[in-house]
Protein backbone atom coordinates (compact mmCIF):
# COMPACT_ATOMS: atom_id res chain seq x y z
CA MET A 1 188.61 204.06 -47.54
CA PHE A 2 189.24 207.01 -49.76
CA ASP A 3 187.57 208.72 -52.77
CA ARG A 4 189.34 210.37 -55.68
CA HIS A 5 187.56 213.49 -56.89
CA ILE A 6 188.25 215.44 -60.08
CA LYS A 7 186.80 218.90 -60.36
CA ARG A 8 187.07 220.82 -63.60
CA ALA A 9 187.17 224.62 -63.57
CA VAL A 10 189.47 227.36 -64.88
CA PHE A 11 191.87 226.36 -62.14
CA ILE A 12 194.01 223.34 -63.04
CA ILE A 13 193.83 220.61 -60.43
CA ALA A 14 196.50 217.95 -60.62
CA ILE A 15 196.33 214.68 -58.73
CA VAL A 16 199.62 213.13 -57.78
CA LYS A 17 199.52 209.60 -56.35
CA PHE A 18 202.25 208.89 -53.82
CA SER A 19 202.13 206.28 -51.09
CA ARG A 20 198.57 207.29 -50.40
CA ALA A 21 196.13 209.64 -52.13
CA VAL A 22 197.58 213.16 -51.85
CA PHE A 23 195.76 215.98 -53.58
CA ILE A 24 197.64 219.04 -54.81
CA VAL A 25 195.42 221.84 -56.00
CA ALA A 26 197.37 223.98 -58.45
CA LEU A 27 197.34 227.80 -58.22
CA THR A 28 195.69 227.71 -54.81
CA GLY A 29 198.66 226.14 -53.01
CA VAL A 30 196.32 223.91 -50.98
CA LEU A 31 197.96 220.67 -49.78
CA CYS A 32 195.96 217.99 -47.98
CA ALA A 33 198.13 216.61 -45.18
CA CYS A 34 197.73 214.32 -42.23
CA GLY A 35 199.11 213.87 -38.74
CA LYS A 36 201.15 210.89 -37.55
CA PRO A 37 199.77 208.99 -34.52
CA ASP A 38 201.90 208.20 -31.51
CA GLY A 39 202.15 204.58 -30.32
CA THR A 40 201.94 202.66 -27.08
CA ALA A 41 202.77 199.00 -26.56
CA ASP A 42 200.12 196.32 -26.15
CA PRO A 43 200.95 194.11 -23.18
CA GLU A 44 199.72 190.89 -24.76
CA PRO A 45 202.24 188.71 -26.63
CA SER A 46 203.00 189.37 -30.29
CA ALA A 47 200.87 192.51 -30.26
CA ALA A 48 202.12 195.77 -31.71
CA ALA A 49 202.11 199.47 -31.04
CA VAL A 50 198.67 200.98 -30.61
CA PRO A 51 198.05 204.54 -31.79
CA THR A 52 196.70 206.91 -29.18
CA ASP A 53 195.00 209.00 -31.84
CA THR A 54 193.30 207.25 -34.72
CA ALA A 55 191.23 210.20 -35.96
CA ASP A 56 191.50 210.98 -39.67
CA ALA A 57 193.18 214.34 -40.12
CA GLU A 58 193.26 214.50 -43.91
CA PRO A 59 190.50 216.43 -45.70
CA THR A 60 189.13 215.03 -48.91
CA ALA A 61 189.03 216.97 -52.16
CA GLY A 62 185.44 217.83 -51.32
CA ASP A 63 186.70 219.86 -48.36
CA VAL A 64 188.66 222.23 -50.60
CA PRO A 65 186.58 225.41 -51.08
CA ALA A 66 185.71 226.47 -54.62
CA PRO A 67 186.63 230.03 -55.69
CA GLU A 68 183.87 232.54 -55.00
CA ASP A 69 184.12 234.24 -58.42
CA ASP A 70 184.02 231.58 -61.12
CA PRO A 71 184.38 233.14 -64.61
CA VAL A 72 183.40 229.92 -66.37
CA THR A 73 179.97 230.13 -67.96
CA ASP A 74 179.49 226.36 -68.23
CA THR A 75 178.45 224.67 -65.00
CA PRO A 76 181.17 222.19 -64.03
CA PRO A 77 180.07 218.56 -63.68
CA ALA A 78 179.53 216.98 -60.26
CA ALA A 79 182.52 215.35 -58.67
CA GLU A 80 183.12 211.78 -59.87
CA THR A 81 183.86 209.01 -57.37
CA GLU A 82 185.98 205.93 -58.06
CA GLU A 83 185.21 203.12 -55.66
CA VAL A 84 188.02 201.16 -54.04
CA PRO A 85 188.03 197.61 -55.45
CA ILE A 86 186.95 194.83 -53.09
CA LEU A 87 190.09 192.85 -52.32
CA ARG A 88 188.41 189.49 -51.71
CA ASP A 89 186.79 189.61 -55.16
CA SER A 90 189.96 190.69 -56.94
CA VAL A 91 192.07 188.01 -55.29
CA ARG A 92 189.51 185.31 -56.13
CA SER A 93 189.46 186.33 -59.78
CA GLY A 94 193.23 186.94 -59.84
CA PHE A 95 194.46 183.47 -58.83
CA GLY A 96 191.47 181.46 -57.61
CA GLY A 97 192.18 181.51 -53.88
CA PHE A 98 190.80 183.35 -50.88
CA ALA A 99 192.04 186.59 -49.31
CA GLY A 100 192.50 186.40 -45.55
CA CYS A 101 193.95 188.45 -42.72
CA ALA A 102 194.96 187.96 -39.10
CA VAL A 103 193.26 189.81 -36.25
CA THR A 104 193.57 189.87 -32.48
CA GLY A 105 190.97 190.81 -29.91
CA MET A 106 192.47 194.27 -29.58
CA GLU A 107 192.27 194.91 -33.32
CA ILE A 108 188.75 193.60 -33.77
CA ASP A 109 187.53 196.17 -31.25
CA ASP A 110 188.73 198.92 -33.58
CA PRO A 111 185.68 199.78 -35.75
CA LYS A 112 187.87 200.87 -38.66
CA VAL A 113 189.70 197.54 -38.67
CA TRP A 114 186.36 195.75 -38.48
CA ASP A 115 185.20 197.69 -41.54
CA ILE A 116 188.34 196.72 -43.47
CA VAL A 117 188.05 193.05 -42.48
CA THR A 118 184.37 192.68 -43.33
CA THR A 119 184.73 194.60 -46.59
CA HIS A 120 187.89 193.08 -48.02
CA PHE A 121 188.50 189.61 -46.59
CA GLU A 122 186.70 186.28 -46.65
CA ALA A 123 188.91 184.45 -44.14
CA VAL A 124 190.40 185.37 -40.77
CA THR A 125 193.15 183.83 -38.65
CA ILE A 126 192.81 184.60 -34.95
CA GLY A 127 196.32 185.82 -34.18
CA ASN A 128 196.71 185.03 -30.48
CA GLU A 129 193.52 183.94 -28.77
CA LEU A 130 193.56 180.28 -29.86
CA LYS A 131 197.18 179.70 -28.86
CA PRO A 132 197.79 177.54 -25.77
CA ASP A 133 198.80 180.38 -23.43
CA ALA A 134 195.62 182.31 -24.26
CA LEU A 135 193.43 179.24 -23.72
CA PHE A 136 195.18 178.77 -20.36
CA ASP A 137 194.04 182.31 -19.53
CA TYR A 138 197.57 183.72 -19.97
CA SER A 139 198.51 182.05 -16.70
CA VAL A 140 202.02 181.30 -17.91
CA SER A 141 203.99 181.14 -14.67
CA THR A 142 201.59 178.85 -12.80
CA CYS A 143 198.79 176.49 -13.77
CA PRO A 144 195.40 178.30 -13.67
CA GLY A 145 193.85 175.47 -11.69
CA THR A 146 192.93 171.87 -12.46
CA GLU A 147 189.89 169.66 -12.86
CA VAL A 148 189.27 165.96 -13.38
CA THR A 149 188.12 164.62 -16.74
CA GLU A 150 188.08 161.33 -18.60
CA LEU A 151 190.11 160.32 -21.64
CA ASN A 152 189.77 156.92 -23.29
CA GLY A 153 187.96 155.56 -20.26
CA GLN A 154 190.54 156.73 -17.72
CA GLU A 155 190.41 159.67 -15.34
CA MET A 156 193.06 162.34 -15.60
CA THR A 157 193.73 165.70 -14.00
CA VAL A 158 193.96 168.55 -16.51
CA PRO A 159 194.46 172.31 -16.41
CA LYS A 160 191.39 174.51 -16.75
CA ILE A 161 190.78 176.07 -20.16
CA SER A 162 189.34 179.54 -20.69
CA TYR A 163 187.58 180.16 -23.99
CA GLN A 164 186.38 183.70 -23.37
CA ARG A 165 188.99 185.60 -25.41
CA ALA A 166 188.54 183.43 -28.48
CA GLU A 167 184.77 183.36 -28.15
CA LYS A 168 184.56 187.13 -27.96
CA ILE A 169 186.06 187.28 -31.45
CA LEU A 170 184.15 184.28 -32.79
CA ASN A 171 180.81 185.61 -31.55
CA LYS A 172 181.35 188.80 -33.50
CA PHE A 173 182.06 186.91 -36.71
CA LEU A 174 179.23 184.49 -36.04
CA ALA A 175 176.78 187.41 -35.83
CA TRP A 176 178.26 188.89 -39.01
CA ASN A 177 177.86 185.60 -40.89
CA GLU A 178 174.26 185.25 -39.75
CA GLU A 179 173.45 188.78 -40.90
CA ASN A 180 175.45 188.49 -44.15
CA PRO A 181 174.87 185.01 -45.58
CA ASP A 182 176.21 186.07 -48.98
CA LYS A 183 179.47 187.42 -47.51
CA GLN A 184 180.60 184.78 -45.04
CA ILE A 185 183.94 185.04 -43.24
CA LYS A 186 185.58 181.72 -42.36
CA ILE A 187 188.08 181.15 -39.53
CA ARG A 188 191.48 179.47 -39.36
CA GLY A 189 192.41 177.95 -36.01
CA HIS A 190 195.95 178.84 -34.91
CA VAL A 191 197.58 176.80 -33.32
CA LEU A 192 197.35 173.47 -31.41
CA VAL A 193 201.01 172.48 -30.89
CA TRP A 194 203.77 175.07 -30.73
CA HIS A 195 207.01 175.35 -28.79
CA SER A 196 206.32 179.05 -28.18
CA GLN A 197 203.36 180.46 -26.24
CA THR A 198 202.86 177.12 -24.53
CA PRO A 199 203.47 177.51 -20.78
CA GLU A 200 206.45 175.57 -19.46
CA TRP A 201 204.41 174.10 -16.59
CA PHE A 202 202.37 172.09 -19.11
CA PHE A 203 205.33 169.70 -19.51
CA HIS A 204 205.97 169.03 -15.81
CA GLU A 205 204.56 166.81 -13.08
CA ASP A 206 201.53 168.30 -11.35
CA TYR A 207 201.72 171.16 -13.87
CA ASP A 208 204.49 172.73 -11.79
CA LYS A 209 207.60 173.76 -13.70
CA ASN A 210 209.70 173.34 -10.56
CA LYS A 211 209.00 169.58 -10.61
CA PRO A 212 210.47 167.02 -13.05
CA TYR A 213 209.32 166.69 -16.66
CA VAL A 214 206.66 164.08 -17.30
CA SER A 215 207.32 161.01 -19.44
CA ALA A 216 206.58 160.90 -23.15
CA ALA A 217 203.67 158.54 -22.42
CA GLU A 218 202.12 161.05 -20.00
CA MET A 219 202.72 163.87 -22.49
CA ASP A 220 200.87 161.82 -25.11
CA ARG A 221 197.81 161.82 -22.85
CA ARG A 222 198.06 165.54 -22.23
CA GLN A 223 198.47 166.28 -25.92
CA GLU A 224 195.53 164.10 -26.91
CA TRP A 225 193.34 165.63 -24.20
CA TYR A 226 194.24 169.17 -25.27
CA ILE A 227 193.68 168.62 -29.00
CA LYS A 228 190.44 166.72 -28.36
CA THR A 229 189.10 169.37 -25.98
CA VAL A 230 189.90 172.36 -28.18
CA LEU A 231 188.68 170.81 -31.44
CA GLU A 232 185.46 169.46 -29.94
CA HIS A 233 184.69 172.76 -28.25
CA PHE A 234 185.01 174.77 -31.46
CA THR A 235 184.24 172.27 -34.23
CA GLY A 236 182.25 169.49 -32.56
CA GLU A 237 178.67 168.68 -33.51
CA ASP A 238 177.29 170.52 -30.49
CA SER A 239 179.41 173.65 -30.99
CA LYS A 240 177.72 176.78 -32.32
CA TYR A 241 181.01 177.55 -34.09
CA LYS A 242 181.27 174.21 -35.91
CA ASP A 243 180.55 175.62 -39.38
CA MET A 244 182.85 178.61 -39.04
CA PHE A 245 186.26 176.95 -39.28
CA TYR A 246 187.80 176.00 -42.63
CA GLY A 247 191.08 174.70 -41.17
CA TRP A 248 193.45 174.50 -38.22
CA ASP A 249 197.22 174.75 -37.82
CA VAL A 250 198.06 171.51 -36.03
CA VAL A 251 201.81 172.06 -35.57
CA ASN A 252 203.73 175.31 -35.95
CA GLU A 253 207.44 175.99 -36.53
CA ALA A 254 208.90 172.62 -35.58
CA ILE A 255 211.95 172.84 -37.88
CA SER A 256 215.23 174.47 -36.84
CA ASP A 257 216.42 177.60 -38.62
CA GLY A 258 220.08 176.80 -38.15
CA THR A 259 220.32 173.11 -38.99
CA GLY A 260 217.20 172.30 -40.99
CA THR A 261 216.57 169.37 -38.64
CA TYR A 262 213.90 169.30 -35.95
CA ARG A 263 213.77 172.21 -33.50
CA SER A 264 215.44 171.06 -30.29
CA ASP A 265 215.53 172.07 -26.64
CA ASN A 266 218.84 173.84 -27.32
CA GLU A 267 217.91 175.97 -30.33
CA ASN A 268 219.05 179.03 -28.39
CA PRO A 269 221.62 178.11 -25.68
CA ASN A 270 221.06 181.48 -24.01
CA GLU A 271 217.34 180.80 -23.46
CA PRO A 272 216.76 178.69 -20.31
CA LEU A 273 214.19 175.91 -20.47
CA SER A 274 213.06 177.17 -17.09
CA ASP A 275 211.56 180.27 -18.73
CA ASP A 276 207.78 180.47 -18.41
CA ARG A 277 207.47 180.16 -22.20
CA HIS A 278 209.97 180.05 -25.04
CA GLY A 279 210.89 181.93 -28.16
CA SER A 280 213.26 179.36 -29.64
CA ASN A 281 213.71 176.23 -27.51
CA SER A 282 211.21 173.39 -27.55
CA SER A 283 210.09 171.59 -24.42
CA TRP A 284 208.11 169.27 -26.71
CA TRP A 285 211.45 168.05 -28.03
CA HIS A 286 212.91 167.92 -24.53
CA VAL A 287 210.26 165.41 -23.45
CA TYR A 288 210.27 163.26 -26.61
CA GLN A 289 213.78 163.71 -28.10
CA SER A 290 212.15 162.93 -31.47
CA GLU A 291 209.47 164.07 -33.89
CA GLU A 292 207.00 161.58 -32.38
CA TYR A 293 204.97 164.39 -30.80
CA ILE A 294 204.44 165.94 -34.26
CA ILE A 295 203.17 162.70 -35.74
CA ASN A 296 200.93 162.17 -32.71
CA ALA A 297 199.51 165.69 -33.04
CA PHE A 298 198.34 164.97 -36.59
CA LYS A 299 196.93 161.62 -35.48
CA TYR A 300 194.92 163.22 -32.68
CA ALA A 301 193.77 166.06 -34.92
CA ASN A 302 192.62 163.51 -37.49
CA LYS A 303 190.81 161.59 -34.75
CA TYR A 304 188.84 164.53 -33.34
CA ALA A 305 188.49 167.02 -36.21
CA PRO A 306 185.52 166.90 -38.58
CA ALA A 307 186.40 165.31 -41.92
CA ASP A 308 185.94 168.61 -43.76
CA LEU A 309 188.23 170.60 -41.43
CA GLU A 310 191.59 171.07 -43.15
CA LEU A 311 194.70 170.30 -41.10
CA TYR A 312 197.99 172.13 -41.67
CA TYR A 313 201.66 172.28 -40.87
CA ASN A 314 202.81 175.93 -40.70
CA ASP A 315 206.34 177.42 -40.74
CA TYR A 316 208.46 180.47 -41.63
CA ASN A 317 211.76 180.76 -43.57
CA GLU A 318 210.04 178.12 -45.65
CA CYS A 319 211.96 179.02 -48.83
CA VAL A 320 215.44 178.86 -47.25
CA GLY A 321 217.57 175.90 -48.36
CA LYS A 322 218.30 173.80 -45.27
CA LYS A 323 215.05 174.63 -43.54
CA LYS A 324 212.97 173.98 -46.65
CA TYR A 325 214.39 170.49 -46.98
CA GLY A 326 213.80 169.89 -43.27
CA ILE A 327 210.14 170.85 -43.76
CA ILE A 328 209.94 168.56 -46.79
CA LYS A 329 211.25 165.67 -44.69
CA LEU A 330 208.69 166.41 -41.98
CA LEU A 331 205.80 166.56 -44.45
CA GLU A 332 206.89 163.23 -45.93
CA GLU A 333 207.00 161.73 -42.43
CA ILE A 334 203.47 162.95 -41.66
CA LYS A 335 202.20 161.57 -44.98
CA ALA A 336 203.90 158.23 -44.30
CA HIS A 337 201.68 157.79 -41.24
CA GLU A 338 198.40 158.60 -43.00
CA GLY A 339 195.38 156.57 -42.02
CA ALA A 340 191.76 156.61 -40.98
CA PRO A 341 190.64 158.76 -38.01
CA GLY A 342 191.84 157.14 -34.82
CA GLU A 343 194.52 155.21 -36.69
CA GLY A 344 196.72 157.57 -38.69
CA THR A 345 197.56 161.12 -39.62
CA ARG A 346 195.89 163.53 -42.01
CA ILE A 347 197.37 166.71 -43.52
CA SER A 348 195.58 168.95 -46.01
CA ALA A 349 198.12 171.60 -46.99
CA MET A 350 201.41 173.29 -46.13
CA GLY A 351 201.23 176.75 -44.59
CA MET A 352 204.04 178.94 -45.96
CA GLN A 353 204.03 181.85 -43.53
CA GLY A 354 205.51 184.42 -45.92
CA HIS A 355 207.33 186.73 -43.48
CA TYR A 356 209.60 188.13 -46.18
CA SER A 357 212.16 190.93 -46.58
CA MET A 358 212.47 193.36 -49.47
CA ALA A 359 215.05 191.11 -51.12
CA ASP A 360 214.35 187.52 -50.11
CA PRO A 361 213.05 185.08 -51.11
CA THR A 362 213.08 185.52 -54.88
CA ALA A 363 210.19 184.59 -57.16
CA VAL A 364 212.12 181.45 -58.15
CA ASP A 365 212.55 180.54 -54.45
CA ILE A 366 208.84 181.01 -53.72
CA GLN A 367 207.67 179.07 -56.74
CA SER A 368 210.14 176.27 -56.09
CA ALA A 369 208.94 175.90 -52.50
CA ILE A 370 205.29 175.91 -53.59
CA ARG A 371 205.98 173.19 -56.13
CA GLN A 372 207.98 170.99 -53.76
CA TYR A 373 205.49 171.23 -50.89
CA SER A 374 202.45 170.71 -53.10
CA GLU A 375 203.98 167.58 -54.60
CA ILE A 376 203.85 166.06 -51.09
CA VAL A 377 200.65 167.40 -49.53
CA GLY A 378 198.69 168.56 -52.59
CA HIS A 379 198.08 172.20 -51.69
CA VAL A 380 199.79 175.25 -50.24
CA GLN A 381 198.57 178.42 -48.57
CA LEU A 382 200.49 181.60 -47.76
CA THR A 383 199.40 182.12 -44.18
CA GLU A 384 201.12 185.09 -42.46
CA VAL A 385 202.25 187.40 -45.23
CA ASP A 386 204.02 190.67 -44.50
CA VAL A 387 207.19 192.39 -45.76
CA ARG A 388 209.85 193.92 -43.54
CA ALA A 389 210.92 197.45 -44.43
CA SER A 390 214.24 198.42 -45.99
CA GLU A 391 216.98 198.81 -43.39
CA ASP A 392 217.42 202.50 -44.25
CA TYR A 393 213.69 203.31 -43.92
CA ASP A 394 213.21 205.85 -41.13
CA GLY A 395 209.40 205.98 -41.07
CA SER A 396 209.22 209.67 -41.93
CA GLU A 397 206.57 211.12 -44.23
CA ALA A 398 209.31 212.08 -46.68
CA ALA A 399 210.57 208.48 -46.84
CA LYS A 400 207.19 206.84 -47.36
CA PRO A 401 206.70 207.33 -51.13
CA ALA A 402 209.94 205.57 -52.01
CA GLU A 403 209.38 202.81 -49.44
CA TYR A 404 205.81 202.25 -50.58
CA GLU A 405 207.06 201.91 -54.15
CA LYS A 406 209.55 199.25 -53.04
CA LEU A 407 206.79 197.49 -51.13
CA SER A 408 204.54 197.43 -54.19
CA THR A 409 207.33 195.97 -56.28
CA ARG A 410 207.97 193.31 -53.65
CA TYR A 411 204.31 192.36 -53.42
CA LYS A 412 204.17 192.06 -57.22
CA VAL A 413 206.81 189.32 -56.96
CA ILE A 414 204.69 187.44 -54.42
CA TRP A 415 201.48 187.93 -56.42
CA TYR A 416 203.14 186.80 -59.64
CA SER A 417 204.46 183.69 -57.88
CA LEU A 418 200.97 182.68 -56.73
CA GLN A 419 199.43 183.29 -60.13
CA ASN A 420 202.20 181.37 -61.87
CA ALA A 421 201.89 178.45 -59.44
CA ASN A 422 198.21 178.11 -60.32
CA THR A 423 198.67 178.30 -64.08
CA ASP A 424 198.15 174.57 -64.54
CA GLY A 425 195.69 174.00 -61.71
CA GLN A 426 194.75 175.07 -58.20
CA VAL A 427 197.90 174.56 -56.11
CA VAL A 428 197.74 177.65 -53.87
CA ASP A 429 194.36 177.92 -52.12
CA GLY A 430 194.69 181.27 -50.39
CA ILE A 431 196.79 184.15 -49.13
CA THR A 432 196.47 185.51 -45.60
CA PHE A 433 198.12 188.79 -44.61
CA TRP A 434 199.41 188.96 -41.03
CA GLY A 435 197.29 191.96 -40.09
CA THR A 436 195.45 194.79 -41.78
CA VAL A 437 196.87 198.22 -40.85
CA ASP A 438 200.54 199.01 -40.37
CA HIS A 439 200.40 200.36 -36.84
CA TYR A 440 199.01 197.10 -35.42
CA SER A 441 201.60 194.89 -37.13
CA TRP A 442 203.59 192.60 -34.86
CA LEU A 443 206.71 193.83 -36.68
CA GLN A 444 206.37 197.17 -34.92
CA SER A 445 207.46 195.41 -31.72
CA ARG A 446 210.60 193.39 -31.20
CA SER A 447 209.95 189.65 -31.28
CA ASN A 448 212.25 186.63 -31.19
CA VAL A 449 209.76 184.15 -32.64
CA GLY A 450 208.66 183.45 -36.19
CA GLY A 451 211.45 185.42 -37.86
CA GLY A 452 209.91 188.65 -36.61
CA SER A 453 212.77 190.54 -34.97
CA THR A 454 213.06 193.99 -36.50
CA THR A 455 215.21 195.55 -33.74
CA GLY A 456 212.94 198.54 -33.30
CA LEU A 457 213.04 199.71 -36.92
CA PRO A 458 209.91 201.45 -38.27
CA GLN A 459 207.76 199.15 -40.39
CA CYS A 460 205.05 199.48 -43.04
CA PRO A 461 204.43 195.82 -43.97
CA LEU A 462 200.70 195.64 -44.75
CA LEU A 463 198.13 196.77 -47.31
CA PHE A 464 196.57 199.59 -45.27
CA ASP A 465 198.37 202.54 -43.69
CA GLU A 466 198.05 204.05 -40.23
CA HIS A 467 195.05 206.07 -41.43
CA TYR A 468 193.24 202.86 -42.50
CA GLU A 469 193.59 203.77 -46.18
CA PRO A 470 194.80 201.43 -48.93
CA LYS A 471 198.46 201.83 -49.82
CA PRO A 472 199.77 201.46 -53.38
CA CYS A 473 200.59 197.78 -52.67
CA PHE A 474 196.87 197.14 -52.06
CA TYR A 475 196.28 197.67 -55.79
CA VAL A 476 198.81 194.97 -56.68
CA PHE A 477 196.20 192.50 -55.43
CA ALA A 478 193.05 194.57 -56.01
CA GLY A 479 193.35 194.96 -59.74
CA SER A 480 195.23 198.24 -60.29
CA ASP A 481 198.68 199.43 -59.26
CA GLU A 482 198.87 202.66 -61.21
């Protein structure tokens, strides 16, 4: 958070707004500056660099001393304060949808991130802790142990699930919601079925990746058990979290980038299926050799999810020609199998991830994709929004003003597209940014999933900077971008 102060005296004080609030006090030569934190890598998957020093180094205008001898006879007025707009309110009024963000357990322990989340957002996606590898206690090379349960009247042996990481986050939001009934924060579950961050052993006999793959029929049982267990634990009638979730990503990134058909077990020939978990190749496809597992996932989610829990398909590069039409075909296939719980599928909306560059996709591309997806499933949400930096951006303080200006312009295109899509009715329900502050963004670390590889380039993709202050692009969505 920051305040803008204007003090009138015989000295002329000029305020120049760059990438962040920088105060230049004329005739005194006082410049408010800040340090740049160093970063260290988070060992958990998809996490980003963590600053070793998060202390604010920039003084506010109130820290600038007034001259001792003031020749002005009139007493200057007290400093005026302009409050930062509340993002969640501005987004609601701006296009009718909710403002959300993604957080991980590491981020939510940062009190400054917590303050940003609880002040500016009304929805949260848990970034890692509800993915299969996290629920299997990050035991990705070997099964974490098994137990016997019952499914549809038959016994089966299943891997043990650990809920502690997810519940640590959920308990914090649950307490917040109980203490702030007029400012509730709802949760998006992410994700039930995904080729990445699902341990390879889950697809093999005895949960041992060195043994043969199981049959599609056996994988059906495992998939149903997993979806049933996770949904009932977090959204079942006896769960203390049952009223917290507004939706759940059922299947994630099942369409190929290269061909626009279904993601296969040979998406990346250089990535062995024997790897503990995959960035590109799908062991789901390897077992089924068809999209049957996707249809089944939506059937099982429909069977075990409460009727008011929204169910989504989620993907990136969702505005790119071949892939977009592959997603359209998949959505049509899911809709073709619609039916009552226990009989057919249910899908509530399409999740357009929104991992965009400075140039692509265009406003026309975004609006076209929104229209085409909404014609099939009714509604669309932007679910993981961030913008990769220009290729020539070096991350220096000198380069930030120009880069922040480009970022604001890019976010205006996205914001305009959402507003335009909702001109004739509510088509887009919400926008979720994939993080809060730049230094925690997954784009700061190299990744080969979800279109996130940035080859080590410095990034500034989000609405808040490394000092937890709103950047100019924040005001694109919060009502002012002056």
